[in-house]
Protein backbone atom coordinates (compact mmCIF):
# COMPACT_ATOMS: atom_id res chain seq x y z
CA MET A 1 53.35 -59.69 43.40
CA PHE A 2 50.10 -57.73 43.07
CA ARG A 3 48.50 -60.53 41.03
CA ASN A 4 49.32 -63.14 43.69
CA TRP A 5 48.03 -60.98 46.50
CA PHE A 6 44.89 -60.02 44.52
CA SER A 7 44.25 -63.69 43.68
CA CYS A 8 44.47 -64.68 47.35
CA THR A 9 42.22 -61.79 48.36
CA LEU A 10 39.59 -62.79 45.78
CA GLY A 11 39.77 -66.40 47.01
CA ASP A 12 39.24 -65.23 50.59
CA GLU A 13 36.20 -63.27 49.39
CA GLY A 14 34.61 -66.43 48.01
CA PHE A 15 35.37 -66.16 44.30
CA THR A 16 35.91 -69.49 42.56
CA GLU A 17 39.17 -70.36 40.83
CA LYS A 18 37.49 -69.91 37.45
CA GLN A 19 36.20 -66.47 38.45
CA ILE A 20 39.62 -65.45 39.76
CA ASP A 21 41.29 -66.50 36.50
CA ARG A 22 38.77 -64.46 34.50
CA ILE A 23 39.20 -61.38 36.70
CA LEU A 24 43.01 -61.60 36.55
CA GLN A 25 42.85 -61.81 32.74
CA GLU A 26 41.14 -58.43 32.76
CA TYR A 27 43.83 -57.01 35.04
CA GLU A 28 46.74 -58.08 32.83
CA GLU A 29 47.52 -54.43 32.30
CA ILE A 30 46.81 -51.72 34.84
CA ALA A 31 46.73 -48.13 33.64
CA TYR A 32 46.00 -44.82 35.29
CA SER A 33 43.80 -42.26 33.65
CA LYS A 34 41.85 -39.13 34.46
CA THR A 35 38.15 -39.20 35.16
CA ARG A 36 35.50 -36.54 34.79
CA SER A 37 33.19 -38.45 37.08
CA ARG A 38 33.00 -36.83 40.47
CA SER A 39 31.27 -39.95 41.70
CA VAL A 40 34.26 -42.17 40.82
CA LEU A 41 36.69 -39.66 42.27
CA GLY A 42 34.61 -39.33 45.45
CA SER A 43 34.46 -43.11 45.90
CA MET A 44 38.23 -43.40 45.44
CA LYS A 45 38.86 -40.62 47.97
CA GLU A 46 36.46 -42.25 50.41
CA GLN A 47 38.28 -45.59 50.16
CA ALA A 48 41.68 -43.91 50.53
CA PHE A 49 40.39 -42.20 53.70
CA MET A 50 39.11 -45.53 55.06
CA TYR A 51 42.50 -47.20 54.48
CA LYS A 52 44.30 -44.30 56.16
CA TYR A 53 41.95 -44.58 59.12
CA GLU A 54 42.29 -48.36 59.38
CA LEU A 55 46.09 -48.28 59.05
CA GLN A 56 46.45 -45.25 61.36
CA GLY A 57 49.79 -44.27 59.87
CA GLU A 58 51.27 -47.76 59.97
CA SER A 59 52.64 -49.66 56.98
CA PHE A 60 50.38 -52.08 55.14
CA HIS A 61 53.14 -54.69 55.55
CA ARG A 62 51.49 -56.08 58.63
CA PRO A 63 49.79 -59.35 59.53
CA ASP A 64 46.27 -57.91 59.84
CA PHE A 65 46.29 -56.14 56.44
CA PRO A 66 44.16 -58.83 54.73
CA GLU A 67 41.54 -58.30 57.43
CA ILE A 68 41.68 -54.54 56.90
CA VAL A 69 41.06 -55.07 53.17
CA LYS A 70 38.05 -57.26 53.98
CA ASN A 71 36.69 -54.61 56.34
CA VAL A 72 37.10 -51.81 53.78
CA ASN A 73 35.47 -53.97 51.08
CA ARG A 74 32.45 -54.28 53.34
CA MET A 75 32.05 -50.56 54.07
CA LEU A 76 29.25 -48.78 52.27
CA ILE A 77 30.54 -46.53 49.46
CA ALA A 78 28.61 -43.57 48.12
CA GLY A 79 28.16 -42.99 44.42
CA PRO A 80 25.21 -42.78 42.08
CA ASP A 81 23.85 -45.47 44.39
CA TYR A 82 25.32 -46.82 47.60
CA HIS A 83 27.13 -50.15 47.37
CA TYR A 84 29.68 -52.41 49.02
CA PRO A 85 32.84 -52.79 46.89
CA VAL A 86 33.01 -56.58 47.15
CA GLU A 87 29.33 -56.91 46.18
CA ALA A 88 29.83 -54.58 43.21
CA LEU A 89 32.65 -56.84 41.97
CA PHE A 90 30.43 -59.92 42.30
CA GLU A 91 27.67 -58.14 40.36
CA ILE A 92 30.09 -57.36 37.52
CA TYR A 93 31.39 -60.92 37.19
CA HIS A 94 28.42 -62.99 38.31
CA PRO A 95 26.50 -62.80 34.99
CA LEU A 96 29.66 -63.81 33.11
CA LEU A 97 30.65 -66.64 35.37
CA PHE A 98 29.31 -69.19 37.78
CA ASN A 99 27.53 -68.76 41.07
CA ARG A 100 29.70 -67.22 43.81
CA ASN A 101 29.20 -70.22 46.11
CA LYS A 102 30.17 -72.94 43.60
């Protein structure tokens, strides 16, 4: 279920089918682990706060949830340098794949 939803979300963000396939290959297995990076932890907490704010206590099983995800992906995140989550993902996969607009 997550893979289907993630695939649709990536498509809505402008990733090509080839890019989506490559990204999903890397997410075949999802694992949780500890981090010593306060920057990573801070960014995760910041995103969790933004989702809580956007959802305002409601379930994420709602028709406007995809729009909420898009909004959160376009909010500036602090870290070693400030970035937008969706742009950071493009930067990771752009050198490996084709142009975002193709």
